[in-house]
Structures are given as C-alpha cells and as structure tokens.
Amino acid sequence: MTVKPHYHLCKVLDGDMTQPLWPQNVALVPFRPDAPQMIAALHALLASSYEAMGDRVPPVTEWWQALSADEEYEATLIFPVISGQGKLIAFAHCWNSGFIKDIVVQPDWRRKGIAEALLLYCFQVFYARGADKICLKVDQNNPFGAERLYRRLGMEDV
C-alpha cells in the first residue's frame, strides 16, 4: 500500500466539552465483540469507505484477529451507531492511547452530523479517562471533508 500524505491532528481536552447532538433516528450502541454479525458489519463499512479512497482492508477474519490482538485495542473504545431500523451506519474506533484509529459514516448518512457527534463523544470519553489530548491522522486528499470537520472541532496540526 502506498503511503499517502496526511495530517496528524490533535485536540487538547481541557474540560470545555461540547455535548454531542445526535440526529433523529440514530443511536450509539455498545460494541459487542462476541457478536460476529456486528464485527462483519463494522468490517464491511470500513472496507467500503477505504475502497472509495483507493485503499484496501484485509478480509474480515484477518482484520479482526489483528485488531483485537493489538495492545491498544479495547472493546469499549469501538462506538457503533445504528439507524432506527437497527442497521450499522457509522462507527468510531479508538486506541486506548487516545488515538482515533477510524471514523466511518455510511455514504447515505453523511452530512447529517453523525461524524461530528461521534468525534465529540470520543473527546468526552477520553477526557473522562484523564487524557489531556486525543489525536488522529487524516489523508490530505480525503474526499469526504473530514479534515474540515476535525479542524472545526478544534483539532490542530501536531
């Protein structure tokens, strides 16, 4: 895989936390690492998003084994969002070091405030854990407007 130019952005967590505003008919639900259908849905959403940017995600079994074996993995730091019909439409996945590894929103649900709510929720979670900052990387050519959102929410270059 080719290394793409990216920005490394961080947000200082100073206690001035904006509350997430979730759109109607969506809900944040607990991640269930014992639910193969949830793992498959996360993988499918992630793979489709990465493919849209010209990248590839390994097959689900390989992906899940590597992810869940990583020393920074915690099941409680995967934040699935479902529609009113119970379909996975977005999720954020953070490492326990205060790094947002992935944030993905299904194309039909973009530009409705879900990614913003997920980010604000991640900020709150890590602030409550005692972190002083939270970081992520974003491709400089991200076609989904992610960089603008991250900067609008106070994330700055490192």
C-alpha atoms as a PDB file:
ATOM      1  CA  MET A   1       0.000   0.000   0.000  1.00  0.00           C
ATOM      2  CA  THR A   2       1.296   3.449  -0.900  1.00  0.00           C
ATOM      3  CA  VAL A   3       1.824   5.870   1.957  1.00  0.00           C
ATOM      4  CA  LYS A   4      -0.395   8.890   1.365  1.00  0.00           C
ATOM      5  CA  PRO A   5       0.404  12.363   2.648  1.00  0.00           C
ATOM      6  CA  HIS A   6      -1.600  13.025   5.772  1.00  0.00           C
ATOM      7  CA  TYR A   7      -2.154  15.484   8.584  1.00  0.00           C
ATOM      8  CA  HIS A   8      -1.604  14.457  12.199  1.00  0.00           C
ATOM      9  CA  LEU A   9      -4.158  16.422  14.209  1.00  0.00           C
ATOM     10  CA  CYS A  10      -4.793  16.595  17.950  1.00  0.00           C
ATOM     11  CA  LYS A  11      -7.407  18.177  20.198  1.00  0.00           C
ATOM     12  CA  VAL A  12      -6.478  19.381  23.665  1.00  0.00           C
ATOM     13  CA  LEU A  13      -9.055  18.070  26.133  1.00  0.00           C
ATOM     14  CA  ASP A  14      -9.436  20.911  28.581  1.00  0.00           C
ATOM     15  CA  GLY A  15     -12.833  20.192  30.074  1.00  0.00           C
ATOM     16  CA  ASP A  16     -14.722  22.557  27.784  1.00  0.00           C
ATOM     17  CA  MET A  17     -16.599  19.705  26.170  1.00  0.00           C
ATOM     18  CA  THR A  18     -19.403  20.327  23.689  1.00  0.00           C
ATOM     19  CA  GLN A  19     -22.196  17.790  24.071  1.00  0.00           C
ATOM     20  CA  PRO A  20     -22.785  15.582  21.023  1.00  0.00           C
ATOM     21  CA  LEU A  21     -26.059  16.249  19.241  1.00  0.00           C
ATOM     22  CA  TRP A  22     -27.243  13.006  17.681  1.00  0.00           C
ATOM     23  CA  PRO A  23     -29.543  13.213  14.660  1.00  0.00           C
ATOM     24  CA  GLN A  24     -33.031  11.754  14.974  1.00  0.00           C
ATOM     25  CA  ASN A  25     -33.399   8.049  14.259  1.00  0.00           C
ATOM     26  CA  VAL A  26     -29.795   7.172  15.114  1.00  0.00           C
ATOM     27  CA  ALA A  27     -28.399   5.687  18.286  1.00  0.00           C
ATOM     28  CA  LEU A  28     -24.993   4.987  19.750  1.00  0.00           C
ATOM     29  CA  VAL A  29     -24.952   1.359  20.882  1.00  0.00           C
ATOM     30  CA  PRO A  30     -22.433  -0.735  22.804  1.00  0.00           C
ATOM     31  CA  PHE A  31     -19.957  -2.722  20.728  1.00  0.00           C
ATOM     32  CA  ARG A  32     -20.352  -6.480  21.149  1.00  0.00           C
ATOM     33  CA  PRO A  33     -17.083  -8.303  20.435  1.00  0.00           C
ATOM     34  CA  ASP A  34     -18.965 -11.586  20.884  1.00  0.00           C
ATOM     35  CA  ALA A  35     -21.347 -10.770  18.007  1.00  0.00           C
ATOM     36  CA  PRO A  36     -19.887 -11.932  14.672  1.00  0.00           C
ATOM     37  CA  GLN A  37     -22.594 -10.087  12.730  1.00  0.00           C
ATOM     38  CA  MET A  38     -21.556  -6.777  14.337  1.00  0.00           C
ATOM     39  CA  ILE A  39     -17.887  -7.418  13.550  1.00  0.00           C
ATOM     40  CA  ALA A  40     -18.812  -8.260   9.942  1.00  0.00           C
ATOM     41  CA  ALA A  41     -20.900  -5.077   9.640  1.00  0.00           C
ATOM     42  CA  LEU A  42     -18.045  -2.925  11.017  1.00  0.00           C
ATOM     43  CA  HIS A  43     -15.630  -4.539   8.587  1.00  0.00           C
ATOM     44  CA  ALA A  44     -17.954  -4.088   5.596  1.00  0.00           C
ATOM     45  CA  LEU A  45     -18.492  -0.402   6.369  1.00  0.00           C
ATOM     46  CA  LEU A  46     -14.778   0.205   6.903  1.00  0.00           C
ATOM     47  CA  ALA A  47     -13.801  -1.712   3.751  1.00  0.00           C
ATOM     48  CA  SER A  48     -16.273   0.193   1.570  1.00  0.00           C
ATOM     49  CA  SER A  49     -15.016   3.523   2.901  1.00  0.00           C
ATOM     50  CA  TYR A  50     -11.361   2.626   2.396  1.00  0.00           C
ATOM     51  CA  GLU A  51     -12.056   1.282  -1.106  1.00  0.00           C
ATOM     52  CA  ALA A  52     -13.678   4.617  -2.017  1.00  0.00           C
ATOM     53  CA  MET A  53     -10.323   6.228  -1.183  1.00  0.00           C
ATOM     54  CA  GLY A  54      -8.334   3.630  -3.147  1.00  0.00           C
ATOM     55  CA  ASP A  55      -7.191   1.645  -0.106  1.00  0.00           C
ATOM     56  CA  ARG A  56      -7.816  -1.919   0.985  1.00  0.00           C
ATOM     57  CA  VAL A  57      -8.838  -3.559   4.260  1.00  0.00           C
ATOM     58  CA  PRO A  58      -7.789  -7.196   4.832  1.00  0.00           C
ATOM     59  CA  PRO A  59     -10.500  -9.899   4.855  1.00  0.00           C
ATOM     60  CA  VAL A  60     -12.735  -9.809   7.940  1.00  0.00           C
ATOM     61  CA  THR A  61     -11.103 -12.690   9.858  1.00  0.00           C
ATOM     62  CA  GLU A  62      -7.581 -11.395   9.299  1.00  0.00           C
ATOM     63  CA  TRP A  63      -8.661  -7.818  10.091  1.00  0.00           C
ATOM     64  CA  TRP A  64     -10.455  -8.788  13.314  1.00  0.00           C
ATOM     65  CA  GLN A  65      -7.647 -11.031  14.573  1.00  0.00           C
ATOM     66  CA  ALA A  66      -5.052  -8.273  14.085  1.00  0.00           C
ATOM     67  CA  LEU A  67      -7.284  -5.582  15.548  1.00  0.00           C
ATOM     68  CA  SER A  68      -8.401  -7.485  18.638  1.00  0.00           C
ATOM     69  CA  ALA A  69      -4.871  -8.725  19.361  1.00  0.00           C
ATOM     70  CA  ASP A  70      -3.354  -5.232  19.273  1.00  0.00           C
ATOM     71  CA  GLU A  71      -2.139  -3.981  22.673  1.00  0.00           C
ATOM     72  CA  GLU A  72      -4.036  -0.717  22.133  1.00  0.00           C
ATOM     73  CA  TYR A  73      -7.374  -2.459  21.476  1.00  0.00           C
ATOM     74  CA  GLU A  74     -10.238  -2.155  23.955  1.00  0.00           C
ATOM     75  CA  ALA A  75     -13.732  -3.280  23.009  1.00  0.00           C
ATOM     76  CA  THR A  76     -15.188  -0.346  24.952  1.00  0.00           C
ATOM     77  CA  LEU A  77     -13.474   2.069  22.547  1.00  0.00           C
ATOM     78  CA  ILE A  78     -15.442   0.991  19.489  1.00  0.00           C
ATOM     79  CA  PHE A  79     -18.552   3.149  19.157  1.00  0.00           C
ATOM     80  CA  PRO A  80     -21.149   1.786  16.696  1.00  0.00           C
ATOM     81  CA  VAL A  81     -24.034   3.954  15.534  1.00  0.00           C
ATOM     82  CA  ILE A  82     -27.199   2.361  14.182  1.00  0.00           C
ATOM     83  CA  SER A  83     -30.212   3.674  12.303  1.00  0.00           C
ATOM     84  CA  GLY A  84     -33.748   3.434  13.640  1.00  0.00           C
ATOM     85  CA  GLN A  85     -34.023   0.205  11.617  1.00  0.00           C
ATOM     86  CA  GLY A  86     -31.078  -1.299  13.514  1.00  0.00           C
ATOM     87  CA  LYS A  87     -28.571  -1.101  10.645  1.00  0.00           C
ATOM     88  CA  LEU A  88     -24.969  -0.083  11.343  1.00  0.00           C
ATOM     89  CA  ILE A  89     -24.474   3.315   9.698  1.00  0.00           C
ATOM     90  CA  ALA A  90     -21.300   4.618  11.356  1.00  0.00           C
ATOM     91  CA  PHE A  91     -18.659   3.921  13.951  1.00  0.00           C
ATOM     92  CA  ALA A  92     -15.561   5.307  15.570  1.00  0.00           C
ATOM     93  CA  HIS A  93     -12.730   3.104  16.745  1.00  0.00           C
ATOM     94  CA  CYS A  94     -10.138   4.471  19.146  1.00  0.00           C
ATOM     95  CA  TRP A  95      -6.934   3.046  20.536  1.00  0.00           C
ATOM     96  CA  ASN A  96      -6.502   3.205  24.316  1.00  0.00           C
ATOM     97  CA  SER A  97      -3.613   5.666  23.830  1.00  0.00           C
ATOM     98  CA  GLY A  98      -6.054   8.427  22.867  1.00  0.00           C
ATOM     99  CA  PHE A  99      -5.862   7.948  19.121  1.00  0.00           C
ATOM    100  CA  ILE A 100      -8.896   7.793  16.837  1.00  0.00           C
ATOM    101  CA  LYS A 101      -7.952   4.957  14.516  1.00  0.00           C
ATOM    102  CA  ASP A 102     -11.042   5.045  12.299  1.00  0.00           C
ATOM    103  CA  ILE A 103     -14.211   7.031  11.968  1.00  0.00           C
ATOM    104  CA  VAL A 104     -16.584   5.960   9.224  1.00  0.00           C
ATOM    105  CA  VAL A 105     -20.076   7.012   8.153  1.00  0.00           C
ATOM    106  CA  GLN A 106     -22.120   5.146   5.536  1.00  0.00           C
ATOM    107  CA  PRO A 107     -22.451   7.391   2.420  1.00  0.00           C
ATOM    108  CA  ASP A 108     -26.252   7.837   2.622  1.00  0.00           C
ATOM    109  CA  TRP A 109     -25.862   9.110   6.214  1.00  0.00           C
ATOM    110  CA  ARG A 110     -23.060  11.624   5.640  1.00  0.00           C
ATOM    111  CA  ARG A 111     -23.561  15.349   6.240  1.00  0.00           C
ATOM    112  CA  LYS A 112     -26.201  14.719   8.917  1.00  0.00           C
ATOM    113  CA  GLY A 113     -23.996  15.403  11.963  1.00  0.00           C
ATOM    114  CA  ILE A 114     -23.123  11.801  12.812  1.00  0.00           C
ATOM    115  CA  ALA A 115     -19.348  12.143  12.423  1.00  0.00           C
ATOM    116  CA  GLU A 116     -19.407  15.333  14.483  1.00  0.00           C
ATOM    117  CA  ALA A 117     -21.422  13.642  17.249  1.00  0.00           C
ATOM    118  CA  LEU A 118     -19.038  10.664  17.206  1.00  0.00           C
ATOM    119  CA  LEU A 119     -15.995  12.906  17.487  1.00  0.00           C
ATOM    120  CA  LEU A 120     -17.484  14.919  20.335  1.00  0.00           C
ATOM    121  CA  TYR A 121     -18.360  11.657  22.074  1.00  0.00           C
ATOM    122  CA  CYS A 122     -14.773  10.413  21.646  1.00  0.00           C
ATOM    123  CA  PHE A 123     -13.496  13.688  23.127  1.00  0.00           C
ATOM    124  CA  GLN A 124     -15.742  13.175  26.179  1.00  0.00           C
ATOM    125  CA  VAL A 125     -14.734   9.537  26.634  1.00  0.00           C
ATOM    126  CA  PHE A 126     -11.028  10.335  26.639  1.00  0.00           C
ATOM    127  CA  TYR A 127     -11.445  13.394  28.834  1.00  0.00           C
ATOM    128  CA  ALA A 128     -13.280  11.182  31.362  1.00  0.00           C
ATOM    129  CA  ARG A 129     -10.374   8.721  31.151  1.00  0.00           C
ATOM    130  CA  GLY A 130      -7.989  11.522  32.153  1.00  0.00           C
ATOM    131  CA  ALA A 131      -6.406  12.077  28.739  1.00  0.00           C
ATOM    132  CA  ASP A 132      -5.082  15.546  28.018  1.00  0.00           C
ATOM    133  CA  LYS A 133      -5.470  15.185  24.239  1.00  0.00           C
ATOM    134  CA  ILE A 134      -6.857  12.977  21.504  1.00  0.00           C
ATOM    135  CA  CYS A 135      -5.282  12.608  18.060  1.00  0.00           C
ATOM    136  CA  LEU A 136      -5.860  11.155  14.613  1.00  0.00           C
ATOM    137  CA  LYS A 137      -4.422  11.105  11.120  1.00  0.00           C
ATOM    138  CA  VAL A 138      -6.342  12.166   8.030  1.00  0.00           C
ATOM    139  CA  ASP A 139      -5.288  11.890   4.402  1.00  0.00           C
ATOM    140  CA  GLN A 140      -4.576  15.291   2.914  1.00  0.00           C
ATOM    141  CA  ASN A 141      -6.774  14.326  -0.049  1.00  0.00           C
ATOM    142  CA  ASN A 142      -9.638  12.856   1.982  1.00  0.00           C
ATOM    143  CA  PRO A 143     -12.656  13.210  -0.331  1.00  0.00           C
ATOM    144  CA  PHE A 144     -15.256  13.278   2.458  1.00  0.00           C
ATOM    145  CA  GLY A 145     -14.466  16.651   4.071  1.00  0.00           C
ATOM    146  CA  ALA A 146     -13.029  15.015   7.189  1.00  0.00           C
ATOM    147  CA  GLU A 147     -10.173  17.462   7.636  1.00  0.00           C
ATOM    148  CA  ARG A 148     -12.545  20.456   7.659  1.00  0.00           C
ATOM    149  CA  LEU A 149     -14.703  18.790  10.320  1.00  0.00           C
ATOM    150  CA  TYR A 150     -11.727  17.909  12.527  1.00  0.00           C
ATOM    151  CA  ARG A 151     -10.329  21.437  12.359  1.00  0.00           C
ATOM    152  CA  ARG A 152     -13.745  22.986  13.021  1.00  0.00           C
ATOM    153  CA  LEU A 153     -13.957  20.919  16.212  1.00  0.00           C
ATOM    154  CA  GLY A 154     -10.619  22.260  17.438  1.00  0.00           C
ATOM    155  CA  MET A 155      -8.152  19.688  16.187  1.00  0.00           C
ATOM    156  CA  GLU A 156      -4.819  21.223  15.223  1.00  0.00           C
ATOM    157  CA  ASP A 157      -1.641  20.117  13.438  1.00  0.00           C
ATOM    158  CA  VAL A 158       0.977  18.393  15.515  1.00  0.00           C
END
